[in-house]
Protein backbone atom coordinates (compact mmCIF):
# COMPACT_ATOMS: atom_id res chain seq x y z
CA MET A 1 -5.91 8.76 7.04
CA THR A 2 -8.78 8.90 3.57
CA TYR A 3 -7.05 6.84 0.80
CA LEU A 4 -8.20 8.43 -3.26
CA GLY A 5 -8.56 5.30 -5.03
CA THR A 6 -5.40 6.46 -6.78
CA ASN A 7 -1.44 7.17 -7.94
CA GLN A 8 -2.35 10.12 -9.62
CA LEU A 9 -3.85 14.04 -9.35
CA ALA A 10 -5.34 14.96 -12.48
CA HIS A 11 -5.61 18.59 -13.54
CA GLY A 12 -7.94 20.02 -10.88
CA ARG A 13 -7.58 17.96 -8.31
CA ARG A 14 -7.53 18.52 -4.84
CA MET A 15 -5.99 16.33 -2.21
CA TYR A 16 -7.12 17.61 1.73
CA PRO A 17 -5.14 16.59 5.06
CA ASP A 18 -5.69 13.39 6.17
CA GLN A 19 -5.26 11.65 2.33
CA TYR A 20 -3.49 9.95 0.39
CA ILE A 21 -2.64 8.47 -2.50
CA LEU A 22 -0.15 5.49 -3.48
CA SER A 23 1.97 3.84 -6.27
CA ALA A 24 0.59 1.19 -8.13
CA ASP A 25 2.29 -1.34 -6.26
CA ALA A 26 0.95 0.29 -2.49
CA ARG A 27 4.60 0.52 -1.60
CA TYR A 28 5.01 4.92 -1.69
CA VAL A 29 2.13 6.95 -0.01
CA LEU A 30 1.92 10.56 -0.01
CA THR A 31 -0.24 11.86 1.81
CA LEU A 32 -0.72 15.34 2.51
CA GLN A 33 -1.10 15.26 6.59
CA GLY A 34 -3.14 17.47 9.25
CA ASP A 35 0.21 19.17 10.27
CA GLY A 36 0.12 21.04 6.83
CA ASN A 37 3.39 18.80 6.09
CA LEU A 38 3.34 17.00 2.45
CA VAL A 39 5.14 13.88 2.13
CA MET A 40 6.42 10.93 0.59
CA TYR A 41 6.52 7.49 2.45
CA GLY A 42 8.90 3.74 1.43
CA PRO A 43 8.67 0.71 2.77
CA GLY A 44 9.03 0.65 6.11
CA TYR A 45 7.23 3.29 6.68
CA THR A 46 10.56 5.78 6.10
CA PRO A 47 10.18 9.10 5.43
CA LEU A 48 11.23 9.92 1.13
CA TRP A 49 10.38 13.93 0.81
CA SER A 50 8.22 16.65 1.88
CA THR A 51 7.66 19.61 1.41
CA GLY A 52 9.12 21.22 4.86
CA THR A 53 5.49 22.93 5.49
CA GLY A 54 4.69 20.95 8.83
CA GLY A 55 2.80 23.36 12.07
CA ARG A 56 0.92 25.12 9.00
CA SER A 57 -2.69 25.24 8.57
CA VAL A 58 -3.22 23.32 5.39
CA ASP A 59 -6.82 24.36 3.28
CA SER A 60 -5.10 21.96 -0.33
CA LEU A 61 -2.98 20.53 -3.04
CA LEU A 62 -4.03 21.49 -6.04
CA VAL A 63 -3.18 20.18 -9.72
CA GLN A 64 -4.36 23.83 -11.15
CA ASP A 65 -5.52 23.44 -14.64
CA ASP A 66 -2.13 26.08 -15.73
CA GLY A 67 0.50 22.64 -14.41
CA ASN A 68 1.34 24.44 -11.52
CA VAL A 69 1.07 22.11 -8.50
CA VAL A 70 0.09 24.76 -5.79
CA LEU A 71 -0.13 23.78 -1.20
CA TYR A 72 -2.60 26.78 -0.27
CA GLY A 73 -2.20 27.57 3.59
CA THR A 74 -6.28 28.24 5.13
CA GLY A 75 -7.71 31.73 5.51
CA SER A 76 -5.17 34.36 3.88
CA GLN A 77 -2.47 32.76 3.38
CA GLY A 78 -2.73 31.77 -0.10
CA ALA A 79 0.47 29.46 -1.76
CA ILE A 80 2.44 27.93 0.85
CA TRP A 81 4.57 26.16 -1.64
CA SER A 82 4.77 24.74 -5.44
CA THR A 83 6.13 23.10 -8.28
CA ALA A 84 6.49 26.39 -10.31
CA THR A 85 5.25 24.28 -13.61
CA VAL A 86 3.22 27.00 -15.18
CA GLY A 87 2.02 26.13 -18.67
CA VAL A 88 2.30 23.13 -18.55
CA GLY A 89 -0.50 21.56 -20.45
CA ASN A 90 -3.24 18.35 -18.61
CA ALA A 91 -0.92 17.97 -16.28
CA SER A 92 -0.81 14.98 -13.99
CA PHE A 93 1.01 14.51 -10.55
CA GLN A 94 2.18 10.75 -10.31
CA VAL A 95 3.40 8.49 -7.31
CA GLN A 96 5.35 6.00 -9.44
CA ASP A 97 6.55 2.30 -8.00
CA ASP A 98 10.57 3.44 -7.92
CA GLY A 99 9.39 5.79 -5.25
CA ASN A 100 9.41 8.99 -7.34
CA VAL A 101 6.62 11.47 -8.23
CA VAL A 102 6.65 12.76 -11.04
CA LEU A 103 4.50 15.67 -12.93
CA TYR A 104 3.60 14.74 -16.67
CA ASP A 105 2.01 17.00 -19.37
CA GLY A 106 -0.45 15.60 -21.71
CA ASN A 107 2.43 13.75 -23.70
CA GLY A 108 3.90 12.05 -21.17
CA VAL A 109 6.77 14.56 -20.59
CA ALA A 110 7.86 14.64 -17.15
CA HIS A 111 8.06 18.65 -15.91
CA TRP A 112 9.41 18.01 -12.22
CA SER A 113 9.89 15.29 -9.07
CA THR A 114 10.77 14.38 -6.20
CA GLY A 115 13.81 12.43 -7.32
CA ALA A 116 13.34 10.68 -4.01
CA LYS A 117 13.74 6.98 -6.04
CA GLY A 118 13.29 4.30 -3.51
CA HIS A 119 14.38 0.94 -3.26
CA VAL A 120 12.73 -2.61 -4.97
CA THR A 121 11.26 -4.84 -1.65
CA GLY A 122 10.90 -7.56 -3.93
CA GLY A 123 8.43 -10.60 -4.49
CA VAL A 124 6.37 -11.64 -7.24
CA TYR A 125 2.77 -11.51 -7.02
CA ALA A 126 0.63 -14.06 -7.16
CA GLY A 127 -1.98 -12.80 -9.13
CA SER A 128 -5.01 -12.66 -7.11
CA ASP A 129 -6.33 -11.56 -3.45
CA VAL A 130 -7.34 -14.86 -1.87
CA ARG A 131 -6.44 -19.14 -1.57
CA ASP A 132 -8.18 -21.63 -1.88
CA ALA A 133 -8.60 -24.83 -0.31
CA ASP A 134 -5.26 -26.81 -0.92
CA GLN A 135 -4.06 -23.56 -2.87
CA TRP A 136 0.33 -22.54 -2.27
CA LEU A 137 1.53 -18.97 -1.40
CA HIS A 138 4.72 -20.02 -2.83
CA THR A 139 7.96 -18.27 -1.01
CA ASN A 140 8.42 -15.08 -2.74
CA GLU A 141 5.25 -14.36 -3.47
CA TYR A 142 2.46 -12.26 -1.94
CA LEU A 143 -1.36 -11.53 -2.65
CA LYS A 144 -3.03 -7.94 -3.06
CA SER A 145 -5.89 -6.16 -1.21
CA SER A 146 -7.70 -5.63 -4.55
CA ASP A 147 -7.58 -1.87 -4.33
CA GLY A 148 -3.30 -2.43 -3.90
CA ARG A 149 -2.66 -1.58 -0.61
CA TYR A 150 -2.74 -4.38 1.21
CA ALA A 151 0.21 -7.18 0.66
CA LEU A 152 0.47 -10.89 2.26
CA TYR A 153 4.16 -11.92 0.84
CA GLN A 154 5.53 -14.86 2.60
CA GLN A 155 8.88 -14.64 3.06
CA GLU A 156 11.74 -16.58 2.00
CA ASP A 157 12.82 -17.13 6.05
CA GLY A 158 9.56 -18.53 6.23
CA ASN A 159 8.33 -14.87 7.97
CA LEU A 160 4.69 -14.01 6.36
CA VAL A 161 4.20 -10.71 6.46
CA LEU A 162 1.30 -8.59 5.84
CA TRP A 163 2.32 -5.06 4.33
CA SER A 164 -0.02 -2.17 4.45
CA PRO A 165 0.77 1.46 2.40
CA GLY A 166 4.48 2.21 2.36
CA GLY A 167 5.44 -1.11 3.27
CA ARG A 168 4.69 -0.81 6.77
CA VAL A 169 4.30 -4.23 8.87
CA GLN A 170 1.48 -4.54 10.68
CA TRP A 171 1.32 -7.95 11.31
CA THR A 172 3.61 -10.73 10.47
CA SER A 173 3.77 -14.70 11.59
CA GLY A 174 6.63 -14.66 13.44
CA SER A 175 8.23 -17.42 11.82
CA ALA A 176 11.95 -16.53 10.00
CA GLY A 177 15.10 -17.63 10.59
CA HIS A 178 14.37 -20.90 8.27
CA SER A 179 15.18 -22.82 4.70
CA GLY A 180 13.84 -24.46 3.07
CA VAL A 181 10.58 -22.99 2.90
CA GLU A 182 7.60 -24.29 0.65
CA GLY A 183 5.29 -21.56 1.29
CA LEU A 184 1.91 -21.18 3.17
CA LEU A 185 -0.71 -23.75 2.25
CA GLN A 186 -4.83 -22.73 2.86
CA GLN A 187 -5.23 -26.63 3.88
CA SER A 188 -9.08 -27.79 3.64
CA ASP A 189 -9.16 -27.64 6.79
CA GLY A 190 -9.45 -24.52 6.79
CA ASN A 191 -5.82 -24.00 9.05
CA LEU A 192 -3.02 -22.07 7.39
CA VAL A 193 -0.23 -23.35 7.88
CA ILE A 194 3.57 -22.63 6.44
CA TYR A 195 6.20 -25.25 5.94
CA ALA A 196 10.22 -25.77 5.42
CA HIS A 197 10.90 -29.92 5.79
CA GLY A 198 7.41 -29.62 7.79
CA ALA A 199 4.98 -27.45 9.39
CA ILE A 200 6.86 -24.29 11.55
CA TRP A 201 3.91 -22.04 11.52
CA SER A 202 -0.11 -22.13 12.07
CA SER A 203 -2.81 -20.99 13.14
CA ASN A 204 -4.27 -23.89 14.68
CA VAL A 205 -7.30 -23.42 13.71
CA THR A 206 -9.99 -26.06 11.96
CA GLY A 207 -13.35 -26.45 10.60
CA SER A 208 -15.48 -28.28 8.35
CA GLY A 209 -16.60 -26.60 5.67
CA THR A 210 -15.00 -24.67 2.41
CA PHE A 211 -12.19 -22.10 3.16
CA GLN A 212 -10.90 -19.54 1.59
CA LEU A 213 -7.75 -17.39 2.74
CA LYS A 214 -8.66 -13.48 1.31
CA VAL A 215 -6.45 -9.98 2.10
CA GLN A 216 -9.20 -7.70 2.23
CA ASN A 217 -9.56 -3.73 1.18
CA ASP A 218 -9.58 -2.89 4.93
CA GLY A 219 -6.22 -4.37 5.91
CA ASN A 220 -8.15 -7.42 7.24
CA VAL A 221 -6.79 -10.79 6.46
CA VAL A 222 -9.84 -13.18 6.72
CA VAL A 223 -10.13 -17.15 6.10
CA TYR A 224 -13.38 -17.26 5.75
CA ASN A 225 -15.77 -20.19 5.85
CA THR A 226 -17.28 -20.15 2.18
CA GLY A 227 -20.41 -22.07 2.68
CA ASN A 228 -21.95 -19.96 5.36
CA GLY A 229 -19.14 -16.15 5.42
CA VAL A 230 -18.27 -17.07 8.78
CA ALA A 231 -14.94 -16.21 9.59
CA LEU A 232 -12.57 -18.90 10.91
CA TRP A 233 -9.36 -17.34 11.62
CA ALA A 234 -8.56 -13.65 10.73
CA THR A 235 -5.20 -11.01 11.53
CA GLY A 236 -7.49 -8.77 13.21
CA THR A 237 -5.87 -6.08 11.49
CA ALA A 238 -8.74 -4.18 10.12
CA GLY A 239 -8.54 -0.19 9.31
CA ARG A 240 -4.88 -0.16 9.69
CA ILE A 241 -2.58 2.21 7.24
């Protein structure tokens, strides 16, 4: 599927099959599936709402200039679903961080919503997509790719988890079940280590040089030698959603 790089569709914009938009925190996904269904997914890639149009041949979802959001079928099918909001000026169709999809007018007034509010999964954004040598990702903190789609989260139980859009788990360190977790340290020798009264997990790869951990826009988490750009370690999750 192709990410449209936004959390909303402005008036006049379309979404085609196998495209999606995301909430700003990347936990909720609104996608027009290839089977014709428009579906909202929440954390764990759990479906929260849909148009119920699976099995239909669809052309696109359009936020019309008249304020109506319409799902059009191919050929002579015409409209197969809509929000029935004709008359809303300067409309925008937004995926919110609370899991709701809302149609707003140009003044910020809501005229339609899915009502499919989700649940907060927690965590504190560490404000970056990287950790440099001798920097920590502490318990209950996460790094986020620069496009906001992927998050690397250090859980309180010691597990390090990579989430893709919708809170779908793509990789874990498999180190859950611990107490007193300090967090993840990008060591100066290139090794990634999770500490809780000692090391409970590591990448077991070291090298010479200066190293940086990066959560990439392609979904891969990589430790690079910043001097020559060579990858020392990676989760191997590029391209997954």
